[in-house]
PDB file of N, CA and C in Angstrom:
ATOM      1  N   MET A   1       0.853  -1.166   0.000  1.00  0.00           N
ATOM      2  CA  MET A   1       0.000   0.000   0.000  1.00  0.00           C
ATOM      3  C   MET A   1       0.902   1.232   0.000  1.00  0.00           C
ATOM      4  N   SER A   2       0.568   2.154  -0.851  1.00  0.00           N
ATOM      5  CA  SER A   2       1.370   3.373  -0.916  1.00  0.00           C
ATOM      6  C   SER A   2       1.110   4.245   0.313  1.00  0.00           C
ATOM      7  N   ASP A   3       2.044   5.138   0.585  1.00  0.00           N
ATOM      8  CA  ASP A   3       1.872   6.074   1.704  1.00  0.00           C
ATOM      9  C   ASP A   3       0.625   6.931   1.499  1.00  0.00           C
ATOM     10  N   ARG A   4       0.363   7.332   0.244  1.00  0.00           N
ATOM     11  CA  ARG A   4      -0.800   8.162  -0.056  1.00  0.00           C
ATOM     12  C   ARG A   4      -2.094   7.435   0.293  1.00  0.00           C
ATOM     13  N   VAL A   5      -2.203   6.169  -0.112  1.00  0.00           N
ATOM     14  CA  VAL A   5      -3.410   5.393   0.195  1.00  0.00           C
ATOM     15  C   VAL A   5      -3.516   5.157   1.698  1.00  0.00           C
ATOM     16  N   PHE A   6      -2.399   4.872   2.336  1.00  0.00           N
ATOM     17  CA  PHE A   6      -2.402   4.668   3.776  1.00  0.00           C
ATOM     18  C   PHE A   6      -2.947   5.904   4.495  1.00  0.00           C
ATOM     19  N   GLU A   7      -2.487   7.084   4.085  1.00  0.00           N
ATOM     20  CA  GLU A   7      -2.951   8.323   4.716  1.00  0.00           C
ATOM     21  C   GLU A   7      -4.446   8.545   4.461  1.00  0.00           C
ATOM     22  N   LEU A   8      -4.904   8.261   3.249  1.00  0.00           N
ATOM     23  CA  LEU A   8      -6.330   8.409   2.946  1.00  0.00           C
ATOM     24  C   LEU A   8      -7.176   7.489   3.818  1.00  0.00           C
ATOM     25  N   LEU A   9      -6.744   6.250   3.962  1.00  0.00           N
ATOM     26  CA  LEU A   9      -7.495   5.298   4.783  1.00  0.00           C
ATOM     27  C   LEU A   9      -7.435   5.672   6.264  1.00  0.00           C
ATOM     28  N   LYS A  10      -6.274   6.153   6.694  1.00  0.00           N
ATOM     29  CA  LYS A  10      -6.140   6.582   8.086  1.00  0.00           C
ATOM     30  C   LYS A  10      -7.080   7.752   8.373  1.00  0.00           C
ATOM     31  N   ASN A  11      -7.155   8.683   7.446  1.00  0.00           N
ATOM     32  CA  ASN A  11      -8.071   9.817   7.609  1.00  0.00           C
ATOM     33  C   ASN A  11      -9.525   9.358   7.614  1.00  0.00           C
ATOM     34  N   ARG A  12      -9.829   8.382   6.774  1.00  0.00           N
ATOM     35  CA  ARG A  12     -11.204   7.862   6.715  1.00  0.00           C
ATOM     36  C   ARG A  12     -11.591   7.185   8.027  1.00  0.00           C
ATOM     37  N   SER A  13     -10.617   6.555   8.685  1.00  0.00           N
ATOM     38  CA  SER A  13     -10.919   5.851   9.937  1.00  0.00           C
ATOM     39  C   SER A  13     -11.239   6.818  11.067  1.00  0.00           C
ATOM     40  N   ASP A  14     -10.848   8.076  10.900  1.00  0.00           N
ATOM     41  CA  ASP A  14     -11.161   9.125  11.875  1.00  0.00           C
ATOM     42  C   ASP A  14     -10.711   8.751  13.285  1.00  0.00           C
ATOM     43  N   GLY A  15      -9.550   8.102  13.390  1.00  0.00           N
ATOM     44  CA  GLY A  15      -8.985   7.766  14.689  1.00  0.00           C
ATOM     45  C   GLY A  15      -9.529   6.499  15.326  1.00  0.00           C
ATOM     46  N   LYS A  16     -10.525   5.844  14.694  1.00  0.00           N
ATOM     47  CA  LYS A  16     -11.072   4.609  15.254  1.00  0.00           C
ATOM     48  C   LYS A  16     -10.059   3.485  15.097  1.00  0.00           C
ATOM     49  N   SER A  17      -9.999   2.612  16.077  1.00  0.00           N
ATOM     50  CA  SER A  17      -9.102   1.455  15.969  1.00  0.00           C
ATOM     51  C   SER A  17      -9.880   0.157  15.802  1.00  0.00           C
ATOM     52  N   GLU A  18     -11.213   0.241  15.781  1.00  0.00           N
ATOM     53  CA  GLU A  18     -12.059  -0.935  15.594  1.00  0.00           C
ATOM     54  C   GLU A  18     -13.207  -0.592  14.663  1.00  0.00           C
ATOM     55  N   GLY A  19     -13.831  -1.631  14.132  1.00  0.00           N
ATOM     56  CA  GLY A  19     -14.985  -1.441  13.267  1.00  0.00           C
ATOM     57  C   GLY A  19     -14.603  -1.453  11.806  1.00  0.00           C
ATOM     58  N   TRP A  20     -15.624  -1.386  10.949  1.00  0.00           N
ATOM     59  CA  TRP A  20     -15.405  -1.463   9.510  1.00  0.00           C
ATOM     60  C   TRP A  20     -15.055  -0.096   8.944  1.00  0.00           C
ATOM     61  N   LEU A  21     -14.122  -0.086   8.036  1.00  0.00           N
ATOM     62  CA  LEU A  21     -13.740   1.144   7.354  1.00  0.00           C
ATOM     63  C   LEU A  21     -14.755   1.495   6.260  1.00  0.00           C
ATOM     64  N   PHE A  22     -15.350   0.457   5.650  1.00  0.00           N
ATOM     65  CA  PHE A  22     -16.361   0.631   4.619  1.00  0.00           C
ATOM     66  C   PHE A  22     -17.607  -0.154   5.028  1.00  0.00           C
ATOM     67  N   PRO A  23     -18.392   0.379   5.974  1.00  0.00           N
ATOM     68  CA  PRO A  23     -19.568  -0.346   6.442  1.00  0.00           C
ATOM     69  C   PRO A  23     -20.654  -0.411   5.372  1.00  0.00           C
ATOM     70  N   SER A  24     -21.477  -1.438   5.476  1.00  0.00           N
ATOM     71  CA  SER A  24     -22.594  -1.605   4.553  1.00  0.00           C
ATOM     72  C   SER A  24     -23.835  -1.963   5.344  1.00  0.00           C
ATOM     73  N   LYS A  25     -24.909  -1.239   5.098  1.00  0.00           N
ATOM     74  CA  LYS A  25     -26.160  -1.525   5.796  1.00  0.00           C
ATOM     75  C   LYS A  25     -26.856  -2.751   5.210  1.00  0.00           C
ATOM     76  N   ARG A  26     -26.561  -3.077   3.949  1.00  0.00           N
ATOM     77  CA  ARG A  26     -27.237  -4.188   3.277  1.00  0.00           C
ATOM     78  C   ARG A  26     -26.542  -5.529   3.454  1.00  0.00           C
ATOM     79  N   SER A  27     -25.285  -5.531   3.845  1.00  0.00           N
ATOM     80  CA  SER A  27     -24.525  -6.769   3.947  1.00  0.00           C
ATOM     81  C   SER A  27     -24.731  -7.446   5.299  1.00  0.00           C
ATOM     82  N   LYS A  28     -24.851  -8.757   5.295  1.00  0.00           N
ATOM     83  CA  LYS A  28     -24.980  -9.505   6.554  1.00  0.00           C
ATOM     84  C   LYS A  28     -23.717  -9.371   7.400  1.00  0.00           C
ATOM     85  N   SER A  29     -22.577  -9.271   6.732  1.00  0.00           N
ATOM     86  CA  SER A  29     -21.315  -9.171   7.459  1.00  0.00           C
ATOM     87  C   SER A  29     -21.091  -7.783   8.049  1.00  0.00           C
ATOM     88  N   GLY A  30     -21.821  -6.788   7.550  1.00  0.00           N
ATOM     89  CA  GLY A  30     -21.681  -5.433   8.063  1.00  0.00           C
ATOM     90  C   GLY A  30     -20.689  -4.569   7.312  1.00  0.00           C
ATOM     91  N   HIS A  31     -20.057  -5.133   6.271  1.00  0.00           N
ATOM     92  CA  HIS A  31     -19.091  -4.355   5.491  1.00  0.00           C
ATOM     93  C   HIS A  31     -19.177  -4.756   4.028  1.00  0.00           C
ATOM     94  N   PHE A  32     -18.600  -3.924   3.164  1.00  0.00           N
ATOM     95  CA  PHE A  32     -18.573  -4.241   1.743  1.00  0.00           C
ATOM     96  C   PHE A  32     -17.721  -5.474   1.520  1.00  0.00           C
ATOM     97  N   THR A  33     -18.229  -6.401   0.734  1.00  0.00           N
ATOM     98  CA  THR A  33     -17.445  -7.580   0.370  1.00  0.00           C
ATOM     99  C   THR A  33     -17.108  -7.559  -1.110  1.00  0.00           C
ATOM    100  N   ASN A  34     -17.692  -6.617  -1.847  1.00  0.00           N
ATOM    101  CA  ASN A  34     -17.472  -6.526  -3.272  1.00  0.00           C
ATOM    102  C   ASN A  34     -17.620  -5.061  -3.668  1.00  0.00           C
ATOM    103  N   ILE A  35     -16.645  -4.549  -4.399  1.00  0.00           N
ATOM    104  CA  ILE A  35     -16.710  -3.131  -4.784  1.00  0.00           C
ATOM    105  C   ILE A  35     -17.022  -2.948  -6.266  1.00  0.00           C
ATOM    106  N   ALA A  36     -17.424  -4.033  -6.932  1.00  0.00           N
ATOM    107  CA  ALA A  36     -17.673  -3.960  -8.374  1.00  0.00           C
ATOM    108  C   ALA A  36     -18.736  -2.930  -8.723  1.00  0.00           C
ATOM    109  N   ASN A  37     -19.822  -2.874  -7.968  1.00  0.00           N
ATOM    110  CA  ASN A  37     -20.887  -1.907  -8.269  1.00  0.00           C
ATOM    111  C   ASN A  37     -20.401  -0.474  -8.093  1.00  0.00           C
ATOM    112  N   GLN A  38     -19.644  -0.232  -7.036  1.00  0.00           N
ATOM    113  CA  GLN A  38     -19.111   1.108  -6.797  1.00  0.00           C
ATOM    114  C   GLN A  38     -18.136   1.503  -7.914  1.00  0.00           C
ATOM    115  N   PHE A  39     -17.332   0.535  -8.368  1.00  0.00           N
ATOM    116  CA  PHE A  39     -16.388   0.814  -9.451  1.00  0.00           C
ATOM    117  C   PHE A  39     -17.134   1.172 -10.729  1.00  0.00           C
ATOM    118  N   ARG A  40     -18.157   0.378 -11.080  1.00  0.00           N
ATOM    119  CA  ARG A  40     -18.938   0.655 -12.295  1.00  0.00           C
ATOM    120  C   ARG A  40     -19.577   2.037 -12.227  1.00  0.00           C
ATOM    121  N   SER A  41     -20.119   2.382 -11.089  1.00  0.00           N
ATOM    122  CA  SER A  41     -20.750   3.689 -10.923  1.00  0.00           C
ATOM    123  C   SER A  41     -19.724   4.816 -11.083  1.00  0.00           C
ATOM    124  N   ALA A  42     -18.568   4.669 -10.464  1.00  0.00           N
ATOM    125  CA  ALA A  42     -17.511   5.685 -10.571  1.00  0.00           C
ATOM    126  C   ALA A  42     -17.011   5.789 -12.008  1.00  0.00           C
ATOM    127  N   ARG A  43     -16.876   4.649 -12.687  1.00  0.00           N
ATOM    128  CA  ARG A  43     -16.415   4.644 -14.079  1.00  0.00           C
ATOM    129  C   ARG A  43     -17.397   5.407 -14.957  1.00  0.00           C
ATOM    130  N   GLU A  44     -18.683   5.162 -14.757  1.00  0.00           N
ATOM    131  CA  GLU A  44     -19.695   5.850 -15.559  1.00  0.00           C
ATOM    132  C   GLU A  44     -19.701   7.349 -15.280  1.00  0.00           C
ATOM    133  N   LYS A  45     -19.610   7.732 -14.004  1.00  0.00           N
ATOM    134  CA  LYS A  45     -19.596   9.158 -13.647  1.00  0.00           C
ATOM    135  C   LYS A  45     -18.380   9.863 -14.239  1.00  0.00           C
ATOM    136  N   ALA A  46     -17.252   9.134 -14.331  1.00  0.00           N
ATOM    137  CA  ALA A  46     -16.021   9.721 -14.873  1.00  0.00           C
ATOM    138  C   ALA A  46     -15.991   9.688 -16.396  1.00  0.00           C
ATOM    139  N   GLY A  47     -16.980   8.991 -17.009  1.00  0.00           N
ATOM    140  CA  GLY A  47     -17.022   8.915 -18.463  1.00  0.00           C
ATOM    141  C   GLY A  47     -15.942   8.021 -19.046  1.00  0.00           C
ATOM    142  N   LEU A  48     -15.501   7.040 -18.279  1.00  0.00           N
ATOM    143  CA  LEU A  48     -14.454   6.130 -18.741  1.00  0.00           C
ATOM    144  C   LEU A  48     -15.065   5.004 -19.577  1.00  0.00           C
ATOM    145  N   PRO A  49     -14.275   4.395 -20.452  1.00  0.00           N
ATOM    146  CA  PRO A  49     -14.811   3.347 -21.329  1.00  0.00           C
ATOM    147  C   PRO A  49     -15.250   2.103 -20.552  1.00  0.00           C
ATOM    148  N   HIS A  50     -16.251   1.410 -21.088  1.00  0.00           N
ATOM    149  CA  HIS A  50     -16.805   0.227 -20.427  1.00  0.00           C
ATOM    150  C   HIS A  50     -15.834  -0.951 -20.408  1.00  0.00           C
ATOM    151  N   ASP A  51     -14.832  -0.938 -21.293  1.00  0.00           N
ATOM    152  CA  ASP A  51     -13.872  -2.047 -21.259  1.00  0.00           C
ATOM    153  C   ASP A  51     -12.823  -1.861 -20.162  1.00  0.00           C
ATOM    154  N   LEU A  52     -12.872  -0.733 -19.449  1.00  0.00           N
ATOM    155  CA  LEU A  52     -12.030  -0.551 -18.273  1.00  0.00           C
ATOM    156  C   LEU A  52     -12.738  -1.226 -17.103  1.00  0.00           C
ATOM    157  N   VAL A  53     -12.187  -2.341 -16.663  1.00  0.00           N
ATOM    158  CA  VAL A  53     -12.808  -3.108 -15.585  1.00  0.00           C
ATOM    159  C   VAL A  53     -11.905  -3.070 -14.354  1.00  0.00           C
ATOM    160  N   LEU A  54     -12.484  -3.386 -13.231  1.00  0.00           N
ATOM    161  CA  LEU A  54     -11.742  -3.339 -11.974  1.00  0.00           C
ATOM    162  C   LEU A  54     -10.487  -4.196 -12.022  1.00  0.00           C
ATOM    163  N   TYR A  55     -10.556  -5.319 -12.723  1.00  0.00           N
ATOM    164  CA  TYR A  55      -9.408  -6.225 -12.792  1.00  0.00           C
ATOM    165  C   TYR A  55      -8.206  -5.573 -13.478  1.00  0.00           C
ATOM    166  N   CYS A  56      -8.447  -4.530 -14.282  1.00  0.00           N
ATOM    167  CA  CYS A  56      -7.344  -3.809 -14.922  1.00  0.00           C
ATOM    168  C   CYS A  56      -6.371  -3.266 -13.871  1.00  0.00           C
ATOM    169  N   ALA A  57      -6.879  -2.939 -12.695  1.00  0.00           N
ATOM    170  CA  ALA A  57      -6.022  -2.394 -11.637  1.00  0.00           C
ATOM    171  C   ALA A  57      -4.969  -3.405 -11.210  1.00  0.00           C
ATOM    172  N   ARG A  58      -5.314  -4.687 -11.242  1.00  0.00           N
ATOM    173  CA  ARG A  58      -4.352  -5.727 -10.868  1.00  0.00           C
ATOM    174  C   ARG A  58      -3.181  -5.753 -11.858  1.00  0.00           C
ATOM    175  N   HIS A  59      -3.498  -5.650 -13.139  1.00  0.00           N
ATOM    176  CA  HIS A  59      -2.442  -5.616 -14.150  1.00  0.00           C
ATOM    177  C   HIS A  59      -1.585  -4.371 -13.988  1.00  0.00           C
ATOM    178  N   ASP A  60      -2.232  -3.248 -13.755  1.00  0.00           N
ATOM    179  CA  ASP A  60      -1.509  -1.997 -13.579  1.00  0.00           C
ATOM    180  C   ASP A  60      -0.592  -2.074 -12.362  1.00  0.00           C
ATOM    181  N   TYR A  61      -1.112  -2.646 -11.270  1.00  0.00           N
ATOM    182  CA  TYR A  61      -0.316  -2.783 -10.054  1.00  0.00           C
ATOM    183  C   TYR A  61       0.941  -3.614 -10.330  1.00  0.00           C
ATOM    184  N   GLY A  62       0.764  -4.791 -10.899  1.00  0.00           N
ATOM    185  CA  GLY A  62       1.913  -5.660 -11.159  1.00  0.00           C
ATOM    186  C   GLY A  62       2.941  -5.001 -12.054  1.00  0.00           C
ATOM    187  N   THR A  63       2.476  -4.325 -13.080  1.00  0.00           N
ATOM    188  CA  THR A  63       3.374  -3.660 -14.022  1.00  0.00           C
ATOM    189  C   THR A  63       4.137  -2.526 -13.347  1.00  0.00           C
ATOM    190  N   ARG A  64       3.426  -1.679 -12.612  1.00  0.00           N
ATOM    191  CA  ARG A  64       4.081  -0.526 -11.971  1.00  0.00           C
ATOM    192  C   ARG A  64       5.069  -0.943 -10.883  1.00  0.00           C
ATOM    193  N   VAL A  65       4.673  -1.911 -10.071  1.00  0.00           N
ATOM    194  CA  VAL A  65       5.567  -2.313  -8.983  1.00  0.00           C
ATOM    195  C   VAL A  65       6.834  -2.955  -9.535  1.00  0.00           C
ATOM    196  N   LEU A  66       6.699  -3.801 -10.556  1.00  0.00           N
ATOM    197  CA  LEU A  66       7.907  -4.401 -11.134  1.00  0.00           C
ATOM    198  C   LEU A  66       8.778  -3.341 -11.793  1.00  0.00           C
ATOM    199  N   LYS A  67       8.162  -2.434 -12.516  1.00  0.00           N
ATOM    200  CA  LYS A  67       8.930  -1.378 -13.194  1.00  0.00           C
ATOM    201  C   LYS A  67       9.675  -0.514 -12.183  1.00  0.00           C
ATOM    202  N   ASN A  68       9.021  -0.171 -11.083  1.00  0.00           N
ATOM    203  CA  ASN A  68       9.624   0.740 -10.112  1.00  0.00           C
ATOM    204  C   ASN A  68      10.576   0.066  -9.133  1.00  0.00           C
ATOM    205  N   THR A  69      10.414  -1.244  -8.926  1.00  0.00           N
ATOM    206  CA  THR A  69      11.291  -1.932  -7.968  1.00  0.00           C
ATOM    207  C   THR A  69      12.266  -2.889  -8.627  1.00  0.00           C
ATOM    208  N   GLY A  70      11.890  -3.431  -9.775  1.00  0.00           N
ATOM    209  CA  GLY A  70      12.719  -4.450 -10.410  1.00  0.00           C
ATOM    210  C   GLY A  70      12.731  -5.755  -9.620  1.00  0.00           C
ATOM    211  N   ASN A  71      11.818  -5.898  -8.683  1.00  0.00           N
ATOM    212  CA  ASN A  71      11.820  -7.047  -7.775  1.00  0.00           C
ATOM    213  C   ASN A  71      10.628  -7.959  -8.076  1.00  0.00           C
ATOM    214  N   LEU A  72      10.855  -8.937  -8.962  1.00  0.00           N
ATOM    215  CA  LEU A  72       9.780  -9.843  -9.347  1.00  0.00           C
ATOM    216  C   LEU A  72       9.299 -10.677  -8.169  1.00  0.00           C
ATOM    217  N   ALA A  73      10.198 -11.064  -7.282  1.00  0.00           N
ATOM    218  CA  ALA A  73       9.803 -11.865  -6.111  1.00  0.00           C
ATOM    219  C   ALA A  73       8.809 -11.093  -5.240  1.00  0.00           C
ATOM    220  N   ALA A  74       9.031  -9.805  -5.045  1.00  0.00           N
ATOM    221  CA  ALA A  74       8.114  -8.995  -4.234  1.00  0.00           C
ATOM    222  C   ALA A  74       6.765  -8.877  -4.923  1.00  0.00           C
ATOM    223  N   VAL A  75       6.778  -8.690  -6.229  1.00  0.00           N
ATOM    224  CA  VAL A  75       5.527  -8.595  -6.981  1.00  0.00           C
ATOM    225  C   VAL A  75       4.760  -9.909  -6.847  1.00  0.00           C
ATOM    226  N   MET A  76       5.449 -11.014  -7.014  1.00  0.00           N
ATOM    227  CA  MET A  76       4.805 -12.332  -6.912  1.00  0.00           C
ATOM    228  C   MET A  76       4.195 -12.528  -5.530  1.00  0.00           C
ATOM    229  N   ARG A  77       4.919 -12.164  -4.508  1.00  0.00           N
ATOM    230  CA  ARG A  77       4.432 -12.332  -3.136  1.00  0.00           C
ATOM    231  C   ARG A  77       3.181 -11.502  -2.887  1.00  0.00           C
ATOM    232  N   THR A  78       3.210 -10.240  -3.307  1.00  0.00           N
ATOM    233  CA  THR A  78       2.071  -9.371  -3.027  1.00  0.00           C
ATOM    234  C   THR A  78       0.854  -9.702  -3.885  1.00  0.00           C
ATOM    235  N   MET A  79       1.077 -10.338  -5.034  1.00  0.00           N
ATOM    236  CA  MET A  79      -0.042 -10.710  -5.897  1.00  0.00           C
ATOM    237  C   MET A  79      -0.497 -12.152  -5.663  1.00  0.00           C
ATOM    238  N   GLY A  80       0.241 -12.880  -4.824  1.00  0.00           N
ATOM    239  CA  GLY A  80      -0.142 -14.253  -4.510  1.00  0.00           C
ATOM    240  C   GLY A  80       0.238 -15.266  -5.573  1.00  0.00           C
ATOM    241  N   HIS A  81       1.240 -14.955  -6.377  1.00  0.00           N
ATOM    242  CA  HIS A  81       1.670 -15.878  -7.419  1.00  0.00           C
ATOM    243  C   HIS A  81       2.767 -16.814  -6.917  1.00  0.00           C
ATOM    244  N   LYS A  82       2.686 -18.059  -7.320  1.00  0.00           N
ATOM    245  CA  LYS A  82       3.721 -19.041  -6.983  1.00  0.00           C
ATOM    246  C   LYS A  82       4.593 -19.337  -8.203  1.00  0.00           C
ATOM    247  N   ASP A  83       4.077 -19.058  -9.381  1.00  0.00           N
ATOM    248  CA  ASP A  83       4.752 -19.394 -10.629  1.00  0.00           C
ATOM    249  C   ASP A  83       5.165 -18.117 -11.366  1.00  0.00           C
ATOM    250  N   VAL A  84       6.420 -18.074 -11.803  1.00  0.00           N
ATOM    251  CA  VAL A  84       6.928 -16.905 -12.525  1.00  0.00           C
ATOM    252  C   VAL A  84       6.126 -16.675 -13.809  1.00  0.00           C
ATOM    253  N   LYS A  85       5.735 -17.745 -14.480  1.00  0.00           N
ATOM    254  CA  LYS A  85       4.968 -17.595 -15.723  1.00  0.00           C
ATOM    255  C   LYS A  85       3.660 -16.842 -15.471  1.00  0.00           C
ATOM    256  N   THR A  86       3.015 -17.141 -14.370  1.00  0.00           N
ATOM    257  CA  THR A  86       1.766 -16.451 -14.038  1.00  0.00           C
ATOM    258  C   THR A  86       2.037 -14.977 -13.772  1.00  0.00           C
ATOM    259  N   ALA A  87       3.063 -14.694 -12.994  1.00  0.00           N
ATOM    260  CA  ALA A  87       3.389 -13.301 -12.662  1.00  0.00           C
ATOM    261  C   ALA A  87       3.751 -12.510 -13.911  1.00  0.00           C
ATOM    262  N   MET A  88       4.437 -13.131 -14.834  1.00  0.00           N
ATOM    263  CA  MET A  88       4.884 -12.419 -16.025  1.00  0.00           C
ATOM    264  C   MET A  88       3.725 -12.048 -16.951  1.00  0.00           C
ATOM    265  N   GLN A  89       2.575 -12.689 -16.809  1.00  0.00           N
ATOM    266  CA  GLN A  89       1.411 -12.325 -17.619  1.00  0.00           C
ATOM    267  C   GLN A  89       0.925 -10.920 -17.282  1.00  0.00           C
ATOM    268  N   TYR A  90       1.280 -10.432 -16.117  1.00  0.00           N
ATOM    269  CA  TYR A  90       0.853  -9.105 -15.692  1.00  0.00           C
ATOM    270  C   TYR A  90       1.834  -8.019 -16.106  1.00  0.00           C
ATOM    271  N   GLN A  91       2.936  -8.402 -16.703  1.00  0.00           N
ATOM    272  CA  GLN A  91       3.958  -7.430 -17.035  1.00  0.00           C
ATOM    273  C   GLN A  91       3.832  -6.993 -18.481  1.00  0.00           C
ATOM    274  N   LEU A  92       3.852  -5.694 -18.691  1.00  0.00           N
ATOM    275  CA  LEU A  92       3.830  -5.162 -20.038  1.00  0.00           C
ATOM    276  C   LEU A  92       5.269  -4.979 -20.501  1.00  0.00           C
ATOM    277  N   PRO A  93       5.548  -5.294 -21.745  1.00  0.00           N
ATOM    278  CA  PRO A  93       6.939  -5.160 -22.214  1.00  0.00           C
ATOM    279  C   PRO A  93       7.386  -3.700 -22.206  1.00  0.00           C
ATOM    280  N   GLU A  94       8.507  -3.456 -21.625  1.00  0.00           N
ATOM    281  CA  GLU A  94       9.082  -2.113 -21.557  1.00  0.00           C
ATOM    282  C   GLU A  94      10.357  -2.114 -22.391  1.00  0.00           C
ATOM    283  N   LEU A  95      10.207  -1.922 -23.691  1.00  0.00           N
ATOM    284  CA  LEU A  95      11.347  -2.018 -24.593  1.00  0.00           C
ATOM    285  C   LEU A  95      12.395  -0.944 -24.332  1.00  0.00           C
ATOM    286  N   GLU A  96      11.968   0.205 -23.828  1.00  0.00           N
ATOM    287  CA  GLU A  96      12.939   1.266 -23.540  1.00  0.00           C
ATOM    288  C   GLU A  96      13.897   0.845 -22.422  1.00  0.00           C
ATOM    289  N   ILE A  97      13.404   0.074 -21.463  1.00  0.00           N
ATOM    290  CA  ILE A  97      14.261  -0.411 -20.381  1.00  0.00           C
ATOM    291  C   ILE A  97      15.301  -1.367 -20.937  1.00  0.00           C
ATOM    292  N   VAL A  98      14.889  -2.238 -21.846  1.00  0.00           N
ATOM    293  CA  VAL A  98      15.818  -3.185 -22.476  1.00  0.00           C
ATOM    294  C   VAL A  98      16.865  -2.417 -23.276  1.00  0.00           C
ATOM    295  N   ARG A  99      16.429  -1.436 -24.050  1.00  0.00           N
ATOM    296  CA  ARG A  99      17.359  -0.644 -24.860  1.00  0.00           C
ATOM    297  C   ARG A  99      18.369   0.083 -23.966  1.00  0.00           C
ATOM    298  N   ALA A 100      17.901   0.664 -22.868  1.00  0.00           N
ATOM    299  CA  ALA A 100      18.810   1.372 -21.960  1.00  0.00           C
ATOM    300  C   ALA A 100      19.817   0.403 -21.358  1.00  0.00           C
ATOM    301  N   GLY A 101      19.371  -0.797 -20.988  1.00  0.00           N
ATOM    302  CA  GLY A 101      20.286  -1.798 -20.435  1.00  0.00           C
ATOM    303  C   GLY A 101      21.337  -2.226 -21.449  1.00  0.00           C
ATOM    304  N   LEU A 102      20.927  -2.380 -22.693  1.00  0.00           N
ATOM    305  CA  LEU A 102      21.886  -2.742 -23.739  1.00  0.00           C
ATOM    306  C   LEU A 102      22.887  -1.622 -23.957  1.00  0.00           C
ATOM    307  N   ASN A 103      22.415  -0.393 -23.971  1.00  0.00           N
ATOM    308  CA  ASN A 103      23.302   0.746 -24.190  1.00  0.00           C
ATOM    309  C   ASN A 103      24.317   0.916 -23.071  1.00  0.00           C
ATOM    310  N   GLN A 104      23.938   0.595 -21.830  1.00  0.00           N
ATOM    311  CA  GLN A 104      24.846   0.740 -20.695  1.00  0.00           C
ATOM    312  C   GLN A 104      25.942  -0.320 -20.699  1.00  0.00           C
ATOM    313  N   GLY A 105      25.655  -1.477 -21.234  1.00  0.00           N
ATOM    314  CA  GLY A 105      26.599  -2.585 -21.125  1.00  0.00           C
ATOM    315  C   GLY A 105      27.533  -2.756 -22.293  1.00  0.00           C
ATOM    316  N   ASN A 106      27.610  -1.788 -23.204  1.00  0.00           N
ATOM    317  CA  ASN A 106      28.465  -1.884 -24.367  1.00  0.00           C
ATOM    318  C   ASN A 106      28.220  -3.160 -25.159  1.00  0.00           C
ATOM    319  N   LEU A 107      26.977  -3.566 -25.270  1.00  0.00           N
ATOM    320  CA  LEU A 107      26.650  -4.807 -25.992  1.00  0.00           C
ATOM    321  C   LEU A 107      26.429  -4.554 -27.454  1.00  0.00           C
TER     322      LEU A 107
END
């Protein structure tokens, strides 16, 4: 979790150390168990395309964390992957990174 998200959630908790951060009056458990409806509503209000789905965030997360850390093991751990092949499906090819690496190594 980024520091920015941590601060937002901490502010939302309003100093409480117990209870649900996202309570739900309709849920038997007392909290949201699925945010798909909220995501769809926010997407529509923002005028974003319908092919942008909540699962896209998972791909974005894996790609950004690997790009910024270079640590595939950490990405795998945080995404719950046991197999490198599975983790690599979330990575977008960054050809500029490859080119920069080649240029640095006199290859």
